[in-house]
Amino acid sequence: MSRRLPQPPSWLPIDPYILALIGTVVLATLLPASGRAAEAAGGASTGAVAFLFFLYGARLSTADALEGLRHWRLHLAVLAATFVVFPLLGLASGGLVPYVLSPQLQSGFLFLCLVPSTIQSSIAFTSIARGNVPAAICAGSFSSIAGIFLTPLLAAALLGNSGGGFSADALLRIGVQLLLPFVAGQLLRRRIGGFLARHRRILGLVDRGSILLVVYTAFSEGMVAGIWHQVTPARFAALLAAEAVLLAAMLAVTWYGAKRLGFGREDRIAIQFAGSKKSLASGLPMASVLFGAQASLAVLPLMLFHQMQLMVCAVIAKRRARDPGDGGPEGTAPGAVAVSRGLSGGRGRQPGVRR
């Protein structure tokens, strides 16, 4: 019997996890950590994120990832959307300074454009819309791994000093915090992979708990540094409008661009959902390293975009499911069947990767 991917709950105006994020921000505003408490919170968040990427490494099958490379055109399309088109739009947002966005918010807006794609929501929405789920799994995983290298390098090139003084030391810290635990998880996958497959909730709890810890630490530092007076209601509304335009542009580029490249409908769905998303789990720890005390303003655009993408993509996924023949060539591009078999081990099983 095949295992079905976990489906997200019915669409709600506000995701319950976003309420938890908002509550964490409120807690950091009212009771910010300072002094030794801040050091303890920072150490705990760093350890939680490292453990999270260790679990990601232990869950991702190296054989599945290598098999997924057969569908290389789709993965290149997602990587191009994530690390080329998004950054170009982020650079264009510089024209909004200072009349629409403040320099600090624009730096955060640009940073969100440099963050890798998600895994969990890309898979879930692709599944709902009847798209190429194995391709979405591989595309999200490849994007997350590539982001460990590409996001800091792009931040160094595009953000410069506005990124809190990017340096080789910052790149080393990101590598130690994210890449080394991931590699360690890969090396130990045969020993603990089966246990994690049977206890998926462990990864989910670590995933969400680590994000909440990073958010609390970042916003506590912002409160101590006294930077929240820089965000007026008008600036906040302008940021939401700019992010709505960004999301709409990427949804259109990934959908119609994939059609022009000759991808079938199922592949176009995977490209759209994997290529238009940004990951909180990867972006928040990187922002805390790159921006330091300014991290609270830097992660605000990413947090807002995360909620927006969930709401909009939930609607799109249900629409795609109701109208399975909505334009574009039918069928999947060559290699999709091979990817599916590689991920399922020839038995139709789809691994439940979370992010």
Protein backbone atom coordinates (compact mmCIF):
# COMPACT_ATOMS: atom_id res chain seq x y z
CA MET A 1 0.00 0.00 0.00
CA SER A 2 1.44 3.38 -0.97
CA ARG A 3 1.79 6.20 1.52
CA ARG A 4 0.14 9.46 0.66
CA LEU A 5 1.84 12.76 1.23
CA PRO A 6 0.48 14.72 4.19
CA GLN A 7 -2.08 17.24 3.06
CA PRO A 8 -2.28 20.72 4.60
CA PRO A 9 -5.48 21.69 6.38
CA SER A 10 -8.23 23.57 4.62
CA TRP A 11 -7.27 27.07 3.64
CA LEU A 12 -7.65 29.63 6.38
CA PRO A 13 -7.20 33.42 6.29
CA ILE A 14 -4.24 33.02 8.66
CA ASP A 15 -2.11 29.91 9.00
CA PRO A 16 -2.03 28.74 12.65
CA TYR A 17 1.74 28.64 12.53
CA ILE A 18 1.80 32.27 11.44
CA LEU A 19 -0.18 33.04 14.60
CA ALA A 20 2.60 31.34 16.54
CA LEU A 21 5.16 33.49 14.72
CA ILE A 22 3.18 36.63 15.50
CA GLY A 23 2.93 35.55 19.13
CA THR A 24 6.69 35.07 19.22
CA VAL A 25 7.22 38.58 17.86
CA VAL A 26 4.86 39.97 20.50
CA LEU A 27 6.71 38.04 23.21
CA ALA A 28 10.04 39.40 21.99
CA THR A 29 8.57 42.91 21.95
CA LEU A 30 7.23 42.70 25.50
CA LEU A 31 9.93 40.49 27.03
CA PRO A 32 13.07 40.75 24.88
CA ALA A 33 16.04 38.65 25.87
CA SER A 34 19.08 40.67 26.88
CA GLY A 35 22.45 40.04 28.48
CA ARG A 36 23.02 36.43 29.44
CA ALA A 37 19.46 35.51 28.49
CA ALA A 38 20.14 36.76 24.96
CA GLU A 39 23.33 34.69 24.79
CA ALA A 40 21.43 31.61 25.94
CA ALA A 41 18.62 32.20 23.43
CA GLY A 42 21.13 32.73 20.64
CA GLY A 43 22.99 29.53 21.52
CA ALA A 44 19.75 27.57 21.69
CA SER A 45 18.55 28.83 18.30
CA THR A 46 21.93 28.08 16.70
CA GLY A 47 21.88 24.55 18.09
CA ALA A 48 18.28 23.96 17.05
CA VAL A 49 18.93 25.08 13.47
CA ALA A 50 22.06 22.91 13.25
CA PHE A 51 20.06 19.92 14.51
CA LEU A 52 17.33 20.70 11.99
CA PHE A 53 19.74 20.55 9.05
CA PHE A 54 21.24 17.38 10.48
CA LEU A 55 17.77 15.81 10.31
CA TYR A 56 17.29 17.11 6.76
CA GLY A 57 20.51 15.39 5.75
CA ALA A 58 19.45 12.17 7.45
CA ARG A 59 16.07 12.20 5.69
CA LEU A 60 17.20 12.97 2.12
CA SER A 61 18.29 9.87 0.22
CA THR A 62 21.47 10.46 -1.77
CA ALA A 63 20.33 7.90 -4.33
CA ASP A 64 16.99 9.71 -4.75
CA ALA A 65 18.77 13.03 -5.22
CA LEU A 66 21.09 11.58 -7.88
CA GLU A 67 18.15 9.93 -9.62
CA GLY A 68 16.34 13.24 -9.64
CA LEU A 69 19.15 14.81 -11.66
CA ARG A 70 17.76 13.01 -14.71
CA HIS A 71 15.06 15.68 -14.83
CA TRP A 72 17.73 18.37 -14.95
CA ARG A 73 15.83 20.85 -17.16
CA LEU A 74 13.09 21.22 -14.57
CA HIS A 75 15.58 21.68 -11.73
CA LEU A 76 17.54 24.27 -13.71
CA ALA A 77 14.30 26.16 -14.31
CA VAL A 78 13.52 26.22 -10.58
CA LEU A 79 17.08 27.24 -9.67
CA ALA A 80 17.02 30.00 -12.30
CA ALA A 81 13.74 31.34 -10.92
CA THR A 82 15.03 31.18 -7.33
CA PHE A 83 18.56 32.51 -7.74
CA VAL A 84 18.39 34.60 -10.94
CA VAL A 85 14.91 36.03 -11.56
CA PHE A 86 14.10 36.63 -7.89
CA PRO A 87 17.41 38.49 -7.22
CA LEU A 88 16.91 40.62 -10.33
CA LEU A 89 13.48 41.69 -9.08
CA GLY A 90 15.00 42.30 -5.66
CA LEU A 91 17.59 44.60 -7.22
CA ALA A 92 14.82 46.45 -9.06
CA SER A 93 13.22 47.19 -5.68
CA GLY A 94 16.08 49.62 -5.08
CA GLY A 95 14.05 52.09 -7.11
CA LEU A 96 11.47 52.12 -4.30
CA VAL A 97 13.94 53.74 -1.87
CA PRO A 98 13.33 56.08 -0.08
CA TYR A 99 9.80 57.00 -1.13
CA VAL A 100 8.16 53.56 -0.77
CA LEU A 101 10.60 51.43 1.24
CA SER A 102 13.20 52.51 3.76
CA PRO A 103 16.80 51.40 3.04
CA GLN A 104 16.61 48.82 5.85
CA LEU A 105 13.33 47.31 4.62
CA GLN A 106 14.64 47.26 1.05
CA SER A 107 17.69 45.32 2.24
CA GLY A 108 15.35 42.78 3.85
CA PHE A 109 13.24 42.70 0.69
CA LEU A 110 16.35 42.00 -1.40
CA PHE A 111 17.50 39.37 1.08
CA LEU A 112 14.21 37.44 0.81
CA CYS A 113 14.83 37.30 -2.95
CA LEU A 114 18.14 35.51 -2.30
CA VAL A 115 16.76 32.78 -0.01
CA PRO A 116 16.27 29.22 -1.37
CA SER A 117 12.91 27.62 -2.04
CA THR A 118 10.84 25.58 0.40
CA ILE A 119 10.35 21.84 0.43
CA GLN A 120 7.24 21.01 2.43
CA SER A 121 4.78 23.54 1.01
CA SER A 122 6.07 23.06 -2.54
CA ILE A 123 5.38 19.32 -2.26
CA ALA A 124 1.98 19.77 -0.60
CA PHE A 125 0.65 22.29 -3.11
CA THR A 126 2.05 20.34 -6.07
CA SER A 127 0.27 17.25 -4.76
CA ILE A 128 -3.05 19.08 -4.33
CA ALA A 129 -2.81 20.51 -7.86
CA ARG A 130 -2.01 17.05 -9.32
CA GLY A 131 1.45 18.04 -10.43
CA ASN A 132 4.78 16.21 -10.58
CA VAL A 133 5.35 15.54 -6.88
CA PRO A 134 8.69 13.68 -7.18
CA ALA A 135 10.06 16.59 -9.22
CA ALA A 136 8.87 19.04 -6.54
CA ILE A 137 10.64 16.99 -3.86
CA CYS A 138 13.93 17.02 -5.76
CA ALA A 139 13.62 20.66 -6.86
CA GLY A 140 12.98 21.86 -3.30
CA SER A 141 15.80 19.74 -1.91
CA PHE A 142 18.31 20.88 -4.54
CA SER A 143 17.33 24.52 -3.98
CA SER A 144 17.83 24.22 -0.22
CA ILE A 145 21.26 22.63 -0.63
CA ALA A 146 22.34 25.16 -3.27
CA GLY A 147 21.10 27.99 -1.07
CA ILE A 148 23.63 27.13 1.63
CA PHE A 149 26.31 28.28 -0.83
CA LEU A 150 24.50 30.67 -3.17
CA THR A 151 22.53 32.79 -0.68
CA PRO A 152 25.61 34.01 1.27
CA LEU A 153 27.54 34.60 -1.96
CA LEU A 154 24.67 36.55 -3.51
CA ALA A 155 24.28 38.50 -0.27
CA ALA A 156 27.96 39.40 -0.39
CA ALA A 157 27.67 40.57 -3.98
CA LEU A 158 24.33 42.39 -3.81
CA LEU A 159 23.92 43.53 -0.21
CA GLY A 160 27.49 44.47 0.68
CA ASN A 161 27.76 46.48 3.89
CA SER A 162 23.97 46.71 4.20
CA GLY A 163 24.02 43.02 5.08
CA GLY A 164 25.59 43.72 8.44
CA GLY A 165 29.12 43.63 7.10
CA PHE A 166 29.29 40.36 5.14
CA SER A 167 32.64 38.64 5.48
CA ALA A 168 34.38 35.33 4.94
CA ASP A 169 33.76 34.66 8.62
CA ALA A 170 30.01 34.97 8.05
CA LEU A 171 30.22 32.45 5.20
CA LEU A 172 32.19 30.10 7.45
CA ARG A 173 29.62 30.42 10.25
CA ILE A 174 26.79 29.61 7.84
CA GLY A 175 28.71 26.59 6.56
CA VAL A 176 29.34 25.34 10.09
CA GLN A 177 25.76 25.91 11.18
CA LEU A 178 23.98 24.53 8.10
CA LEU A 179 26.25 22.59 5.75
CA LEU A 180 28.28 20.52 8.22
CA PRO A 181 25.20 19.21 10.08
CA PHE A 182 23.59 18.36 6.74
CA VAL A 183 26.66 16.39 5.63
CA ALA A 184 26.79 14.64 9.01
CA GLY A 185 23.15 13.64 8.60
CA GLN A 186 23.90 12.22 5.17
CA LEU A 187 26.76 10.15 6.60
CA LEU A 188 24.54 8.76 9.36
CA ARG A 189 21.45 8.35 7.22
CA ARG A 190 21.61 4.55 7.04
CA ARG A 191 21.63 4.30 10.83
CA ILE A 192 18.91 6.79 11.72
CA GLY A 193 16.98 7.32 8.46
CA GLY A 194 14.56 4.50 9.24
CA PHE A 195 13.83 5.87 12.70
CA LEU A 196 13.08 9.34 11.28
CA ALA A 197 10.83 7.85 8.61
CA ARG A 198 8.77 6.22 11.38
CA HIS A 199 8.71 9.38 13.51
CA ARG A 200 8.11 12.21 11.07
CA ARG A 201 6.75 14.49 13.77
CA ILE A 202 10.25 14.87 15.19
CA LEU A 203 11.42 16.75 12.09
CA GLY A 204 8.27 18.88 12.08
CA LEU A 205 8.68 19.85 15.73
CA VAL A 206 12.36 20.71 15.28
CA ASP A 207 11.58 22.59 12.06
CA ARG A 208 8.96 24.88 13.56
CA GLY A 209 10.56 25.13 16.97
CA SER A 210 13.90 26.25 15.52
CA ILE A 211 12.20 28.95 13.46
CA LEU A 212 10.37 30.28 16.51
CA LEU A 213 13.65 30.40 18.45
CA VAL A 214 15.41 32.30 15.66
CA VAL A 215 12.51 34.74 15.36
CA TYR A 216 12.51 35.40 19.11
CA THR A 217 16.27 35.92 19.17
CA ALA A 218 16.27 38.23 16.13
CA PHE A 219 13.39 40.39 17.31
CA SER A 220 14.79 40.55 20.84
CA GLU A 221 18.02 41.96 19.40
CA GLY A 222 15.97 44.46 17.42
CA MET A 223 14.11 45.63 20.49
CA VAL A 224 17.31 46.02 22.48
CA ALA A 225 18.86 47.99 19.60
CA GLY A 226 15.73 50.17 19.37
CA ILE A 227 15.13 49.82 15.63
CA TRP A 228 11.37 49.23 15.57
CA HIS A 229 10.58 52.93 15.41
CA GLN A 230 11.80 52.77 11.80
CA VAL A 231 8.71 50.81 10.64
CA THR A 232 5.70 53.11 10.33
CA PRO A 233 2.24 51.85 9.34
CA ALA A 234 2.69 53.45 5.92
CA ARG A 235 6.01 51.67 5.39
CA PHE A 236 4.45 48.38 6.51
CA ALA A 237 1.58 48.75 4.02
CA ALA A 238 4.03 49.66 1.26
CA LEU A 239 6.08 46.54 2.03
CA LEU A 240 2.98 44.35 1.77
CA ALA A 241 2.09 45.90 -1.60
CA ALA A 242 5.62 45.42 -2.93
CA GLU A 243 5.62 41.77 -1.86
CA ALA A 244 2.22 41.17 -3.47
CA VAL A 245 3.63 42.46 -6.76
CA LEU A 246 6.74 40.29 -6.33
CA LEU A 247 4.72 37.13 -5.70
CA ALA A 248 2.36 37.80 -8.61
CA ALA A 249 5.31 38.37 -10.94
CA MET A 250 7.05 35.14 -9.92
CA LEU A 251 3.87 33.07 -10.18
CA ALA A 252 3.39 34.38 -13.72
CA VAL A 253 7.04 33.95 -14.73
CA THR A 254 7.25 30.36 -13.49
CA TRP A 255 3.92 29.30 -15.01
CA TYR A 256 4.12 30.93 -18.44
CA GLY A 257 7.90 30.66 -18.67
CA ALA A 258 7.67 26.90 -18.12
CA LYS A 259 5.06 26.72 -20.86
CA ARG A 260 7.36 28.53 -23.29
CA LEU A 261 10.13 26.07 -22.43
CA GLY A 262 7.89 23.18 -23.46
CA PHE A 263 7.17 21.59 -20.07
CA GLY A 264 4.02 19.55 -19.58
CA ARG A 265 1.28 20.62 -17.21
CA GLU A 266 2.41 18.47 -14.27
CA ASP A 267 5.96 19.82 -14.54
CA ARG A 268 4.70 23.39 -14.88
CA ILE A 269 2.85 22.98 -11.59
CA ALA A 270 6.01 21.76 -9.84
CA ILE A 271 8.05 24.61 -11.34
CA GLN A 272 5.49 27.21 -10.32
CA PHE A 273 5.19 26.10 -6.71
CA ALA A 274 8.88 25.34 -6.16
CA GLY A 275 10.12 28.37 -8.08
CA SER A 276 7.90 31.02 -6.48
CA LYS A 277 8.51 30.20 -2.81
CA LYS A 278 11.02 31.24 -0.17
CA SER A 279 12.06 29.24 2.89
CA LEU A 280 11.81 30.55 6.44
CA ALA A 281 13.81 27.62 7.79
CA SER A 282 16.84 28.47 5.64
CA GLY A 283 16.44 32.24 5.52
CA LEU A 284 16.10 33.05 9.21
CA PRO A 285 19.37 31.55 10.49
CA MET A 286 21.26 33.08 7.56
CA ALA A 287 19.76 36.49 8.30
CA SER A 288 20.77 36.27 11.96
CA VAL A 289 24.38 35.70 10.85
CA LEU A 290 24.48 38.26 8.04
CA PHE A 291 22.53 41.11 9.64
CA GLY A 292 23.30 40.81 13.34
CA ALA A 293 21.31 43.34 15.38
CA GLN A 294 19.46 44.44 12.22
CA ALA A 295 18.12 40.92 11.64
CA SER A 296 14.63 41.73 12.91
CA LEU A 297 14.02 44.20 10.08
CA ALA A 298 15.73 41.86 7.62
CA VAL A 299 13.47 38.90 8.41
CA LEU A 300 10.22 40.93 8.50
CA PRO A 301 9.83 40.90 4.68
CA LEU A 302 10.56 37.15 4.61
CA MET A 303 7.99 36.39 7.31
CA LEU A 304 5.31 38.41 5.52
CA PHE A 305 6.13 36.84 2.16
CA HIS A 306 5.95 33.37 3.70
CA GLN A 307 2.39 33.92 4.90
CA MET A 308 1.37 35.54 1.61
CA GLN A 309 2.73 32.69 -0.50
CA LEU A 310 0.87 30.11 1.60
CA MET A 311 -2.47 31.90 1.22
CA VAL A 312 -2.16 32.59 -2.50
CA CYS A 313 -0.71 29.22 -3.48
CA ALA A 314 -3.41 27.37 -1.52
CA VAL A 315 -6.03 29.05 -3.71
CA ILE A 316 -4.07 28.36 -6.91
CA ALA A 317 -3.48 24.70 -6.02
CA LYS A 318 -7.19 24.07 -5.46
CA ARG A 319 -8.00 25.81 -8.73
CA ARG A 320 -5.49 23.64 -10.61
CA ALA A 321 -7.01 20.52 -9.01
CA ARG A 322 -10.50 21.48 -10.22
CA ASP A 323 -9.31 22.28 -13.75
CA PRO A 324 -6.69 19.65 -14.68
CA GLY A 325 -6.58 20.71 -18.33
CA ASP A 326 -5.87 24.43 -17.92
CA GLY A 327 -3.60 25.09 -20.84
CA GLY A 328 -0.16 24.00 -21.90
CA PRO A 329 1.01 20.73 -23.40
CA GLU A 330 -0.23 17.66 -21.65
CA GLY A 331 1.92 15.07 -19.90
CA THR A 332 5.24 15.41 -18.18
CA ALA A 333 8.60 16.17 -19.66
CA PRO A 334 11.00 13.31 -20.38
CA GLY A 335 12.58 11.95 -17.23
CA ALA A 336 9.66 12.57 -14.90
CA VAL A 337 8.74 8.89 -14.81
CA ALA A 338 12.34 7.98 -14.02
CA VAL A 339 12.41 10.51 -11.19
CA SER A 340 9.17 9.14 -9.81
CA ARG A 341 10.46 5.58 -9.86
CA GLY A 342 13.73 6.61 -8.30
CA LEU A 343 12.00 8.38 -5.44
CA SER A 344 9.48 5.64 -4.85
CA GLY A 345 11.86 2.75 -5.14
CA GLY A 346 9.62 1.28 -7.84
CA ARG A 347 6.70 0.78 -5.44
CA GLY A 348 4.83 4.07 -5.81
CA ARG A 349 5.96 5.35 -2.42
CA GLN A 350 6.56 9.07 -2.02
CA PRO A 351 8.81 10.20 0.80
CA GLY A 352 7.36 12.80 3.10
CA VAL A 353 9.97 15.54 3.09
CA ARG A 354 9.15 18.51 5.29
CA ARG A 355 10.25 22.12 5.34
